[in-house]
PDB file of N, CA and C in Angstrom:
ATOM      1  N   MET A   1      16.357  -4.583  16.253  1.00  0.00           N
ATOM      2  CA  MET A   1      15.252  -5.172  15.502  1.00  0.00           C
ATOM      3  C   MET A   1      14.205  -4.099  15.202  1.00  0.00           C
ATOM      4  N   THR A   2      13.721  -4.093  13.988  1.00  0.00           N
ATOM      5  CA  THR A   2      12.700  -3.131  13.583  1.00  0.00           C
ATOM      6  C   THR A   2      11.349  -3.552  14.138  1.00  0.00           C
ATOM      7  N   GLU A   3      10.630  -2.603  14.705  1.00  0.00           N
ATOM      8  CA  GLU A   3       9.304  -2.903  15.248  1.00  0.00           C
ATOM      9  C   GLU A   3       8.184  -2.338  14.400  1.00  0.00           C
ATOM     10  N   ALA A   4       8.550  -1.535  13.386  1.00  0.00           N
ATOM     11  CA  ALA A   4       7.533  -0.937  12.528  1.00  0.00           C
ATOM     12  C   ALA A   4       8.046  -0.892  11.092  1.00  0.00           C
ATOM     13  N   PHE A   5       7.098  -0.844  10.177  1.00  0.00           N
ATOM     14  CA  PHE A   5       7.417  -0.803   8.756  1.00  0.00           C
ATOM     15  C   PHE A   5       6.573   0.266   8.081  1.00  0.00           C
ATOM     16  N   LYS A   6       7.138   0.873   7.050  1.00  0.00           N
ATOM     17  CA  LYS A   6       6.403   1.793   6.188  1.00  0.00           C
ATOM     18  C   LYS A   6       5.925   0.973   4.993  1.00  0.00           C
ATOM     19  N   ILE A   7       4.649   1.058   4.699  1.00  0.00           N
ATOM     20  CA  ILE A   7       4.057   0.366   3.557  1.00  0.00           C
ATOM     21  C   ILE A   7       3.638   1.429   2.536  1.00  0.00           C
ATOM     22  N   ALA A   8       3.864   1.127   1.271  1.00  0.00           N
ATOM     23  CA  ALA A   8       3.394   1.993   0.189  1.00  0.00           C
ATOM     24  C   ALA A   8       2.820   1.112  -0.914  1.00  0.00           C
ATOM     25  N   VAL A   9       1.673   1.534  -1.432  1.00  0.00           N
ATOM     26  CA  VAL A   9       1.029   0.808  -2.519  1.00  0.00           C
ATOM     27  C   VAL A   9       0.213   1.813  -3.344  1.00  0.00           C
ATOM     28  N   CYS A  10       0.215   1.645  -4.657  1.00  0.00           N
ATOM     29  CA  CYS A  10      -0.576   2.510  -5.539  1.00  0.00           C
ATOM     30  C   CYS A  10      -1.859   1.796  -5.918  1.00  0.00           C
ATOM     31  N   VAL A  11      -2.941   2.569  -5.989  1.00  0.00           N
ATOM     32  CA  VAL A  11      -4.259   1.988  -6.220  1.00  0.00           C
ATOM     33  C   VAL A  11      -5.092   2.961  -7.069  1.00  0.00           C
ATOM     34  N   PRO A  12      -5.987   2.454  -7.917  1.00  0.00           N
ATOM     35  CA  PRO A  12      -6.910   3.351  -8.613  1.00  0.00           C
ATOM     36  C   PRO A  12      -7.756   4.109  -7.586  1.00  0.00           C
ATOM     37  N   GLU A  13      -8.029   5.368  -7.865  1.00  0.00           N
ATOM     38  CA  GLU A  13      -8.722   6.233  -6.900  1.00  0.00           C
ATOM     39  C   GLU A  13     -10.054   5.654  -6.420  1.00  0.00           C
ATOM     40  N   GLU A  14     -10.777   4.951  -7.284  1.00  0.00           N
ATOM     41  CA  GLU A  14     -12.088   4.432  -6.882  1.00  0.00           C
ATOM     42  C   GLU A  14     -11.975   3.321  -5.827  1.00  0.00           C
ATOM     43  N   TYR A  15     -10.795   2.812  -5.575  1.00  0.00           N
ATOM     44  CA  TYR A  15     -10.580   1.785  -4.538  1.00  0.00           C
ATOM     45  C   TYR A  15      -9.965   2.362  -3.261  1.00  0.00           C
ATOM     46  N   LEU A  16      -9.668   3.647  -3.247  1.00  0.00           N
ATOM     47  CA  LEU A  16      -8.972   4.271  -2.125  1.00  0.00           C
ATOM     48  C   LEU A  16      -9.722   4.140  -0.803  1.00  0.00           C
ATOM     49  N   ASP A  17     -10.992   4.503  -0.768  1.00  0.00           N
ATOM     50  CA  ASP A  17     -11.753   4.472   0.490  1.00  0.00           C
ATOM     51  C   ASP A  17     -11.841   3.063   1.063  1.00  0.00           C
ATOM     52  N   GLU A  18     -12.191   2.095   0.232  1.00  0.00           N
ATOM     53  CA  GLU A  18     -12.303   0.717   0.709  1.00  0.00           C
ATOM     54  C   GLU A  18     -10.950   0.202   1.208  1.00  0.00           C
ATOM     55  N   LEU A  19      -9.889   0.486   0.452  1.00  0.00           N
ATOM     56  CA  LEU A  19      -8.565  -0.001   0.824  1.00  0.00           C
ATOM     57  C   LEU A  19      -8.120   0.575   2.167  1.00  0.00           C
ATOM     58  N   THR A  20      -8.227   1.889   2.340  1.00  0.00           N
ATOM     59  CA  THR A  20      -7.761   2.492   3.592  1.00  0.00           C
ATOM     60  C   THR A  20      -8.610   2.059   4.783  1.00  0.00           C
ATOM     61  N   LEU A  21      -9.919   1.926   4.597  1.00  0.00           N
ATOM     62  CA  LEU A  21     -10.774   1.457   5.702  1.00  0.00           C
ATOM     63  C   LEU A  21     -10.421   0.032   6.115  1.00  0.00           C
ATOM     64  N   LYS A  22     -10.224  -0.847   5.137  1.00  0.00           N
ATOM     65  CA  LYS A  22      -9.899  -2.248   5.443  1.00  0.00           C
ATOM     66  C   LYS A  22      -8.508  -2.375   6.065  1.00  0.00           C
ATOM     67  N   ILE A  23      -7.549  -1.598   5.566  1.00  0.00           N
ATOM     68  CA  ILE A  23      -6.220  -1.605   6.181  1.00  0.00           C
ATOM     69  C   ILE A  23      -6.317  -1.157   7.629  1.00  0.00           C
ATOM     70  N   ASN A  24      -7.024  -0.061   7.864  1.00  0.00           N
ATOM     71  CA  ASN A  24      -7.171   0.463   9.221  1.00  0.00           C
ATOM     72  C   ASN A  24      -7.792  -0.578  10.158  1.00  0.00           C
ATOM     73  N   GLU A  25      -8.768  -1.325   9.660  1.00  0.00           N
ATOM     74  CA  GLU A  25      -9.419  -2.368  10.462  1.00  0.00           C
ATOM     75  C   GLU A  25      -8.489  -3.543  10.756  1.00  0.00           C
ATOM     76  N   SER A  26      -7.482  -3.753   9.906  1.00  0.00           N
ATOM     77  CA  SER A  26      -6.625  -4.933  10.052  1.00  0.00           C
ATOM     78  C   SER A  26      -5.389  -4.696  10.912  1.00  0.00           C
ATOM     79  N   MET A  27      -5.247  -3.493  11.482  1.00  0.00           N
ATOM     80  CA  MET A  27      -4.059  -3.207  12.283  1.00  0.00           C
ATOM     81  C   MET A  27      -4.416  -2.359  13.495  1.00  0.00           C
ATOM     82  N   GLU A  28      -3.570  -2.442  14.496  1.00  0.00           N
ATOM     83  CA  GLU A  28      -3.738  -1.571  15.651  1.00  0.00           C
ATOM     84  C   GLU A  28      -3.015  -0.263  15.372  1.00  0.00           C
ATOM     85  N   PRO A  29      -3.478   0.838  15.939  1.00  0.00           N
ATOM     86  CA  PRO A  29      -2.834   2.126  15.670  1.00  0.00           C
ATOM     87  C   PRO A  29      -1.366   2.133  16.108  1.00  0.00           C
ATOM     88  N   LEU A  30      -0.530   2.734  15.291  1.00  0.00           N
ATOM     89  CA  LEU A  30       0.881   2.881  15.619  1.00  0.00           C
ATOM     90  C   LEU A  30       1.110   4.150  16.442  1.00  0.00           C
ATOM     91  N   TYR A  31       0.355   5.186  16.135  1.00  0.00           N
ATOM     92  CA  TYR A  31       0.514   6.478  16.800  1.00  0.00           C
ATOM     93  C   TYR A  31      -0.581   6.616  17.865  1.00  0.00           C
ATOM     94  N   PRO A  32      -0.200   6.737  19.141  1.00  0.00           N
ATOM     95  CA  PRO A  32      -1.204   6.812  20.216  1.00  0.00           C
ATOM     96  C   PRO A  32      -2.226   7.928  19.975  1.00  0.00           C
ATOM     97  N   GLY A  33      -3.497   7.564  20.082  1.00  0.00           N
ATOM     98  CA  GLY A  33      -4.568   8.543  19.936  1.00  0.00           C
ATOM     99  C   GLY A  33      -4.994   8.833  18.508  1.00  0.00           C
ATOM    100  N   TYR A  34      -4.440   8.107  17.516  1.00  0.00           N
ATOM    101  CA  TYR A  34      -4.773   8.363  16.116  1.00  0.00           C
ATOM    102  C   TYR A  34      -4.964   7.050  15.361  1.00  0.00           C
ATOM    103  N   ASP A  35      -5.910   7.039  14.437  1.00  0.00           N
ATOM    104  CA  ASP A  35      -5.988   5.965  13.459  1.00  0.00           C
ATOM    105  C   ASP A  35      -6.263   6.599  12.103  1.00  0.00           C
ATOM    106  N   MET A  36      -6.406   5.796  11.069  1.00  0.00           N
ATOM    107  CA  MET A  36      -6.581   6.287   9.698  1.00  0.00           C
ATOM    108  C   MET A  36      -5.450   7.261   9.314  1.00  0.00           C
ATOM    109  N   VAL A  37      -4.219   6.933   9.698  1.00  0.00           N
ATOM    110  CA  VAL A  37      -3.062   7.783   9.412  1.00  0.00           C
ATOM    111  C   VAL A  37      -2.414   7.297   8.119  1.00  0.00           C
ATOM    112  N   PHE A  38      -2.700   8.001   7.032  1.00  0.00           N
ATOM    113  CA  PHE A  38      -2.186   7.658   5.705  1.00  0.00           C
ATOM    114  C   PHE A  38      -1.666   8.921   5.025  1.00  0.00           C
ATOM    115  N   SER A  39      -0.635   8.787   4.222  1.00  0.00           N
ATOM    116  CA  SER A  39      -0.204   9.843   3.315  1.00  0.00           C
ATOM    117  C   SER A  39      -0.666   9.437   1.925  1.00  0.00           C
ATOM    118  N   LEU A  40      -1.267  10.374   1.217  1.00  0.00           N
ATOM    119  CA  LEU A  40      -1.821  10.105  -0.108  1.00  0.00           C
ATOM    120  C   LEU A  40      -1.177  11.033  -1.130  1.00  0.00           C
ATOM    121  N   THR A  41      -0.715  10.455  -2.225  1.00  0.00           N
ATOM    122  CA  THR A  41      -0.083  11.233  -3.279  1.00  0.00           C
ATOM    123  C   THR A  41      -0.640  10.788  -4.621  1.00  0.00           C
ATOM    124  N   GLU A  42      -1.034  11.755  -5.449  1.00  0.00           N
ATOM    125  CA  GLU A  42      -1.458  11.421  -6.803  1.00  0.00           C
ATOM    126  C   GLU A  42      -0.219  11.111  -7.628  1.00  0.00           C
ATOM    127  N   VAL A  43      -0.241   9.973  -8.308  1.00  0.00           N
ATOM    128  CA  VAL A  43       0.889   9.552  -9.143  1.00  0.00           C
ATOM    129  C   VAL A  43       0.356   9.065 -10.487  1.00  0.00           C
ATOM    130  N   THR A  44       1.265   8.877 -11.413  1.00  0.00           N
ATOM    131  CA  THR A  44       0.934   8.266 -12.692  1.00  0.00           C
ATOM    132  C   THR A  44       1.733   6.975 -12.804  1.00  0.00           C
ATOM    133  N   GLY A  45       1.031   5.865 -12.973  1.00  0.00           N
ATOM    134  CA  GLY A  45       1.681   4.566 -13.122  1.00  0.00           C
ATOM    135  C   GLY A  45       1.762   4.182 -14.587  1.00  0.00           C
ATOM    136  N   MET A  46       2.781   3.387 -14.903  1.00  0.00           N
ATOM    137  CA  MET A  46       2.952   2.906 -16.271  1.00  0.00           C
ATOM    138  C   MET A  46       3.331   1.429 -16.226  1.00  0.00           C
ATOM    139  N   TRP A  47       2.723   0.636 -17.114  1.00  0.00           N
ATOM    140  CA  TRP A  47       3.015  -0.793 -17.194  1.00  0.00           C
ATOM    141  C   TRP A  47       2.582  -1.328 -18.548  1.00  0.00           C
ATOM    142  N   ARG A  48       3.145  -2.494 -18.883  1.00  0.00           N
ATOM    143  CA  ARG A  48       2.738  -3.192 -20.104  1.00  0.00           C
ATOM    144  C   ARG A  48       2.454  -4.647 -19.711  1.00  0.00           C
ATOM    145  N   PRO A  49       1.205  -5.059 -19.778  1.00  0.00           N
ATOM    146  CA  PRO A  49       0.884  -6.458 -19.481  1.00  0.00           C
ATOM    147  C   PRO A  49       1.526  -7.384 -20.515  1.00  0.00           C
ATOM    148  N   LEU A  50       2.155  -8.440 -20.021  1.00  0.00           N
ATOM    149  CA  LEU A  50       2.791  -9.418 -20.895  1.00  0.00           C
ATOM    150  C   LEU A  50       1.865 -10.602 -21.142  1.00  0.00           C
ATOM    151  N   GLU A  51       2.195 -11.394 -22.126  1.00  0.00           N
ATOM    152  CA  GLU A  51       1.406 -12.578 -22.461  1.00  0.00           C
ATOM    153  C   GLU A  51       1.229 -13.456 -21.225  1.00  0.00           C
ATOM    154  N   GLY A  52       0.006 -13.905 -20.997  1.00  0.00           N
ATOM    155  CA  GLY A  52      -0.291 -14.742 -19.845  1.00  0.00           C
ATOM    156  C   GLY A  52      -0.793 -13.973 -18.631  1.00  0.00           C
ATOM    157  N   SER A  53      -0.716 -12.642 -18.670  1.00  0.00           N
ATOM    158  CA  SER A  53      -1.217 -11.834 -17.548  1.00  0.00           C
ATOM    159  C   SER A  53      -2.719 -11.614 -17.699  1.00  0.00           C
ATOM    160  N   ASN A  54      -3.325 -11.152 -16.627  1.00  0.00           N
ATOM    161  CA  ASN A  54      -4.757 -10.861 -16.612  1.00  0.00           C
ATOM    162  C   ASN A  54      -4.937  -9.457 -16.040  1.00  0.00           C
ATOM    163  N   PRO A  55      -4.643  -8.415 -16.837  1.00  0.00           N
ATOM    164  CA  PRO A  55      -4.630  -7.051 -16.300  1.00  0.00           C
ATOM    165  C   PRO A  55      -6.016  -6.534 -15.939  1.00  0.00           C
ATOM    166  N   PHE A  56      -6.080  -5.810 -14.817  1.00  0.00           N
ATOM    167  CA  PHE A  56      -7.305  -5.115 -14.411  1.00  0.00           C
ATOM    168  C   PHE A  56      -7.550  -3.930 -15.345  1.00  0.00           C
ATOM    169  N   ILE A  57      -6.458  -3.251 -15.705  1.00  0.00           N
ATOM    170  CA  ILE A  57      -6.489  -2.118 -16.632  1.00  0.00           C
ATOM    171  C   ILE A  57      -5.462  -2.398 -17.724  1.00  0.00           C
ATOM    172  N   GLY A  58      -5.818  -2.161 -18.961  1.00  0.00           N
ATOM    173  CA  GLY A  58      -4.869  -2.294 -20.049  1.00  0.00           C
ATOM    174  C   GLY A  58      -5.061  -3.568 -20.856  1.00  0.00           C
ATOM    175  N   GLU A  59      -4.254  -3.671 -21.917  1.00  0.00           N
ATOM    176  CA  GLU A  59      -4.312  -4.811 -22.823  1.00  0.00           C
ATOM    177  C   GLU A  59      -2.933  -5.420 -22.972  1.00  0.00           C
ATOM    178  N   THR A  60      -2.893  -6.720 -23.142  1.00  0.00           N
ATOM    179  CA  THR A  60      -1.635  -7.438 -23.324  1.00  0.00           C
ATOM    180  C   THR A  60      -0.830  -6.824 -24.462  1.00  0.00           C
ATOM    181  N   GLY A  61       0.428  -6.543 -24.162  1.00  0.00           N
ATOM    182  CA  GLY A  61       1.339  -6.010 -25.168  1.00  0.00           C
ATOM    183  C   GLY A  61       1.283  -4.511 -25.371  1.00  0.00           C
ATOM    184  N   LYS A  62       0.353  -3.818 -24.735  1.00  0.00           N
ATOM    185  CA  LYS A  62       0.217  -2.374 -24.905  1.00  0.00           C
ATOM    186  C   LYS A  62       0.549  -1.654 -23.597  1.00  0.00           C
ATOM    187  N   ILE A  63       1.302  -0.552 -23.705  1.00  0.00           N
ATOM    188  CA  ILE A  63       1.668   0.241 -22.526  1.00  0.00           C
ATOM    189  C   ILE A  63       0.444   0.997 -22.025  1.00  0.00           C
ATOM    190  N   SER A  64       0.215   0.920 -20.730  1.00  0.00           N
ATOM    191  CA  SER A  64      -0.854   1.676 -20.074  1.00  0.00           C
ATOM    192  C   SER A  64      -0.232   2.761 -19.203  1.00  0.00           C
ATOM    193  N   VAL A  65      -0.822   3.941 -19.215  1.00  0.00           N
ATOM    194  CA  VAL A  65      -0.417   5.049 -18.352  1.00  0.00           C
ATOM    195  C   VAL A  65      -1.690   5.521 -17.666  1.00  0.00           C
ATOM    196  N   GLU A  66      -1.731   5.376 -16.329  1.00  0.00           N
ATOM    197  CA  GLU A  66      -2.965   5.644 -15.593  1.00  0.00           C
ATOM    198  C   GLU A  66      -2.705   6.445 -14.319  1.00  0.00           C
ATOM    199  N   LYS A  67      -3.675   7.260 -13.942  1.00  0.00           N
ATOM    200  CA  LYS A  67      -3.619   7.981 -12.666  1.00  0.00           C
ATOM    201  C   LYS A  67      -3.890   6.992 -11.534  1.00  0.00           C
ATOM    202  N   GLU A  68      -3.124   7.135 -10.462  1.00  0.00           N
ATOM    203  CA  GLU A  68      -3.289   6.292  -9.282  1.00  0.00           C
ATOM    204  C   GLU A  68      -3.078   7.149  -8.034  1.00  0.00           C
ATOM    205  N   ILE A  69      -3.413   6.584  -6.896  1.00  0.00           N
ATOM    206  CA  ILE A  69      -3.124   7.208  -5.605  1.00  0.00           C
ATOM    207  C   ILE A  69      -2.107   6.326  -4.896  1.00  0.00           C
ATOM    208  N   ARG A  70      -0.988   6.926  -4.471  1.00  0.00           N
ATOM    209  CA  ARG A  70       0.002   6.194  -3.676  1.00  0.00           C
ATOM    210  C   ARG A  70      -0.394   6.356  -2.210  1.00  0.00           C
ATOM    211  N   VAL A  71      -0.619   5.239  -1.556  1.00  0.00           N
ATOM    212  CA  VAL A  71      -1.030   5.201  -0.147  1.00  0.00           C
ATOM    213  C   VAL A  71       0.176   4.756   0.666  1.00  0.00           C
ATOM    214  N   GLU A  72       0.579   5.569   1.634  1.00  0.00           N
ATOM    215  CA  GLU A  72       1.696   5.232   2.509  1.00  0.00           C
ATOM    216  C   GLU A  72       1.240   5.299   3.957  1.00  0.00           C
ATOM    217  N   PHE A  73       1.748   4.364   4.762  1.00  0.00           N
ATOM    218  CA  PHE A  73       1.374   4.341   6.178  1.00  0.00           C
ATOM    219  C   PHE A  73       2.370   3.484   6.943  1.00  0.00           C
ATOM    220  N   ALA A  74       2.340   3.608   8.251  1.00  0.00           N
ATOM    221  CA  ALA A  74       3.216   2.826   9.122  1.00  0.00           C
ATOM    222  C   ALA A  74       2.393   1.751   9.823  1.00  0.00           C
ATOM    223  N   VAL A  75       3.030   0.600  10.041  1.00  0.00           N
ATOM    224  CA  VAL A  75       2.348  -0.530  10.661  1.00  0.00           C
ATOM    225  C   VAL A  75       3.308  -1.219  11.626  1.00  0.00           C
ATOM    226  N   LYS A  76       2.778  -1.700  12.722  1.00  0.00           N
ATOM    227  CA  LYS A  76       3.582  -2.474  13.662  1.00  0.00           C
ATOM    228  C   LYS A  76       3.927  -3.824  13.035  1.00  0.00           C
ATOM    229  N   GLU A  77       5.116  -4.326  13.375  1.00  0.00           N
ATOM    230  CA  GLU A  77       5.578  -5.584  12.795  1.00  0.00           C
ATOM    231  C   GLU A  77       4.585  -6.716  13.019  1.00  0.00           C
ATOM    232  N   ARG A  78       3.971  -6.767  14.186  1.00  0.00           N
ATOM    233  CA  ARG A  78       3.039  -7.862  14.487  1.00  0.00           C
ATOM    234  C   ARG A  78       1.770  -7.823  13.632  1.00  0.00           C
ATOM    235  N   ASN A  79       1.490  -6.674  12.989  1.00  0.00           N
ATOM    236  CA  ASN A  79       0.321  -6.541  12.120  1.00  0.00           C
ATOM    237  C   ASN A  79       0.663  -6.626  10.638  1.00  0.00           C
ATOM    238  N   LEU A  80       1.936  -6.759  10.320  1.00  0.00           N
ATOM    239  CA  LEU A  80       2.397  -6.683   8.930  1.00  0.00           C
ATOM    240  C   LEU A  80       1.739  -7.733   8.031  1.00  0.00           C
ATOM    241  N   LYS A  81       1.722  -8.973   8.443  1.00  0.00           N
ATOM    242  CA  LYS A  81       1.147 -10.043   7.616  1.00  0.00           C
ATOM    243  C   LYS A  81      -0.342  -9.798   7.351  1.00  0.00           C
ATOM    244  N   ASP A  82      -1.093  -9.414   8.379  1.00  0.00           N
ATOM    245  CA  ASP A  82      -2.525  -9.150   8.204  1.00  0.00           C
ATOM    246  C   ASP A  82      -2.760  -7.989   7.242  1.00  0.00           C
ATOM    247  N   VAL A  83      -1.941  -6.948   7.355  1.00  0.00           N
ATOM    248  CA  VAL A  83      -2.097  -5.783   6.486  1.00  0.00           C
ATOM    249  C   VAL A  83      -1.804  -6.147   5.030  1.00  0.00           C
ATOM    250  N   VAL A  84      -0.733  -6.884   4.792  1.00  0.00           N
ATOM    251  CA  VAL A  84      -0.407  -7.286   3.419  1.00  0.00           C
ATOM    252  C   VAL A  84      -1.521  -8.166   2.849  1.00  0.00           C
ATOM    253  N   ASN A  85      -2.021  -9.098   3.628  1.00  0.00           N
ATOM    254  CA  ASN A  85      -3.122  -9.940   3.153  1.00  0.00           C
ATOM    255  C   ASN A  85      -4.384  -9.126   2.886  1.00  0.00           C
ATOM    256  N   THR A  86      -4.623  -8.093   3.688  1.00  0.00           N
ATOM    257  CA  THR A  86      -5.767  -7.206   3.457  1.00  0.00           C
ATOM    258  C   THR A  86      -5.605  -6.466   2.136  1.00  0.00           C
ATOM    259  N   ILE A  87      -4.418  -5.921   1.896  1.00  0.00           N
ATOM    260  CA  ILE A  87      -4.167  -5.221   0.627  1.00  0.00           C
ATOM    261  C   ILE A  87      -4.435  -6.166  -0.546  1.00  0.00           C
ATOM    262  N   LEU A  88      -3.905  -7.373  -0.465  1.00  0.00           N
ATOM    263  CA  LEU A  88      -4.085  -8.341  -1.557  1.00  0.00           C
ATOM    264  C   LEU A  88      -5.554  -8.717  -1.760  1.00  0.00           C
ATOM    265  N   SER A  89      -6.346  -8.712  -0.687  1.00  0.00           N
ATOM    266  CA  SER A  89      -7.761  -9.094  -0.812  1.00  0.00           C
ATOM    267  C   SER A  89      -8.630  -7.977  -1.382  1.00  0.00           C
ATOM    268  N   VAL A  90      -8.208  -6.717  -1.211  1.00  0.00           N
ATOM    269  CA  VAL A  90      -9.019  -5.574  -1.646  1.00  0.00           C
ATOM    270  C   VAL A  90      -8.529  -5.007  -2.981  1.00  0.00           C
ATOM    271  N   HIS A  91      -7.238  -5.021  -3.204  1.00  0.00           N
ATOM    272  CA  HIS A  91      -6.641  -4.364  -4.376  1.00  0.00           C
ATOM    273  C   HIS A  91      -7.096  -5.044  -5.665  1.00  0.00           C
ATOM    274  N   PRO A  92      -7.464  -4.252  -6.672  1.00  0.00           N
ATOM    275  CA  PRO A  92      -7.977  -4.860  -7.904  1.00  0.00           C
ATOM    276  C   PRO A  92      -6.903  -5.411  -8.843  1.00  0.00           C
ATOM    277  N   TYR A  93      -5.646  -4.994  -8.671  1.00  0.00           N
ATOM    278  CA  TYR A  93      -4.602  -5.424  -9.599  1.00  0.00           C
ATOM    279  C   TYR A  93      -4.224  -6.884  -9.373  1.00  0.00           C
ATOM    280  N   GLU A  94      -3.879  -7.541 -10.454  1.00  0.00           N
ATOM    281  CA  GLU A  94      -3.414  -8.925 -10.400  1.00  0.00           C
ATOM    282  C   GLU A  94      -2.145  -9.044  -9.550  1.00  0.00           C
ATOM    283  N   GLU A  95      -1.237  -8.087  -9.685  1.00  0.00           N
ATOM    284  CA  GLU A  95       0.034  -8.075  -8.961  1.00  0.00           C
ATOM    285  C   GLU A  95       0.300  -6.671  -8.412  1.00  0.00           C
ATOM    286  N   PRO A  96      -0.358  -6.274  -7.314  1.00  0.00           N
ATOM    287  CA  PRO A  96      -0.075  -4.934  -6.782  1.00  0.00           C
ATOM    288  C   PRO A  96       1.357  -4.855  -6.259  1.00  0.00           C
ATOM    289  N   ALA A  97       2.036  -3.758  -6.566  1.00  0.00           N
ATOM    290  CA  ALA A  97       3.395  -3.540  -6.052  1.00  0.00           C
ATOM    291  C   ALA A  97       3.275  -2.973  -4.645  1.00  0.00           C
ATOM    292  N   ILE A  98       3.738  -3.725  -3.661  1.00  0.00           N
ATOM    293  CA  ILE A  98       3.661  -3.315  -2.259  1.00  0.00           C
ATOM    294  C   ILE A  98       5.088  -3.121  -1.756  1.00  0.00           C
ATOM    295  N   ASP A  99       5.428  -1.874  -1.405  1.00  0.00           N
ATOM    296  CA  ASP A  99       6.738  -1.579  -0.826  1.00  0.00           C
ATOM    297  C   ASP A  99       6.653  -1.776   0.682  1.00  0.00           C
ATOM    298  N   ILE A 100       7.612  -2.500   1.245  1.00  0.00           N
ATOM    299  CA  ILE A 100       7.672  -2.734   2.686  1.00  0.00           C
ATOM    300  C   ILE A 100       9.066  -2.305   3.133  1.00  0.00           C
ATOM    301  N   ILE A 101       9.128  -1.235   3.929  1.00  0.00           N
ATOM    302  CA  ILE A 101      10.393  -0.607   4.297  1.00  0.00           C
ATOM    303  C   ILE A 101      10.525  -0.568   5.820  1.00  0.00           C
ATOM    304  N   PRO A 102      11.621  -1.103   6.375  1.00  0.00           N
ATOM    305  CA  PRO A 102      11.807  -1.036   7.831  1.00  0.00           C
ATOM    306  C   PRO A 102      11.890   0.425   8.295  1.00  0.00           C
ATOM    307  N   MET A 103      11.289   0.714   9.440  1.00  0.00           N
ATOM    308  CA  MET A 103      11.315   2.063  10.018  1.00  0.00           C
ATOM    309  C   MET A 103      12.123   2.047  11.308  1.00  0.00           C
ATOM    310  N   TYR A 104      12.861   3.114  11.510  1.00  0.00           N
ATOM    311  CA  TYR A 104      13.573   3.319  12.760  1.00  0.00           C
ATOM    312  C   TYR A 104      13.069   4.630  13.333  1.00  0.00           C
ATOM    313  N   GLY A 105      12.529   4.598  14.542  1.00  0.00           N
ATOM    314  CA  GLY A 105      11.980   5.817  15.161  1.00  0.00           C
ATOM    315  C   GLY A 105      13.051   6.844  15.429  1.00  0.00           C
ATOM    316  N   TRP A 106      12.688   8.089  15.414  1.00  0.00           N
ATOM    317  CA  TRP A 106      13.642   9.172  15.632  1.00  0.00           C
ATOM    318  C   TRP A 106      14.288   9.077  17.001  1.00  0.00           C
ATOM    319  N   LYS A 107      13.629   8.451  17.963  1.00  0.00           N
ATOM    320  CA  LYS A 107      14.192   8.332  19.303  1.00  0.00           C
ATOM    321  C   LYS A 107      15.460   7.476  19.302  1.00  0.00           C
ATOM    322  N   ALA A 108      15.592   6.574  18.330  1.00  0.00           N
ATOM    323  CA  ALA A 108      16.785   5.748  18.239  1.00  0.00           C
ATOM    324  C   ALA A 108      18.036   6.566  17.906  1.00  0.00           C
ATOM    325  N   PHE A 109      17.858   7.790  17.420  1.00  0.00           N
ATOM    326  CA  PHE A 109      18.974   8.608  16.996  1.00  0.00           C
ATOM    327  C   PHE A 109      19.238   9.800  17.920  1.00  0.00           C
ATOM    328  N   THR A 110      18.572   9.809  19.060  1.00  0.00           N
ATOM    329  CA  THR A 110      18.788  10.896  20.026  1.00  0.00           C
ATOM    330  C   THR A 110      19.607  10.382  21.196  1.00  0.00           C
ATOM    331  N   ARG A 111      20.174  11.300  21.956  1.00  0.00           N
ATOM    332  CA  ARG A 111      20.972  10.911  23.124  1.00  0.00           C
ATOM    333  C   ARG A 111      20.106  10.575  24.305  1.00  0.00           C
TER     334      ARG A 111
END
């Protein structure tokens, strides 16, 4: 059974500080002696809002290409629901894409 998950989500840079602080507050540290453990990567996102959507950035029917920050971090399974709800409460996008990937610690592969 997986006890930890890797989360990844892209966010406009102006929301980065608030998002990472709120995520950190919503979970217990995974790595002993450390908190605020995030990997940050500058990325370019592309999307086209369809009819009926309410885009934070962009216009219905037009392709948007925007700079974003990809935030990646590890979370304990027992904190997963709180972390996802925190992301949804802070993130400005109508439908933020949240990747949730099971993690297996390196110790599972050693003798």
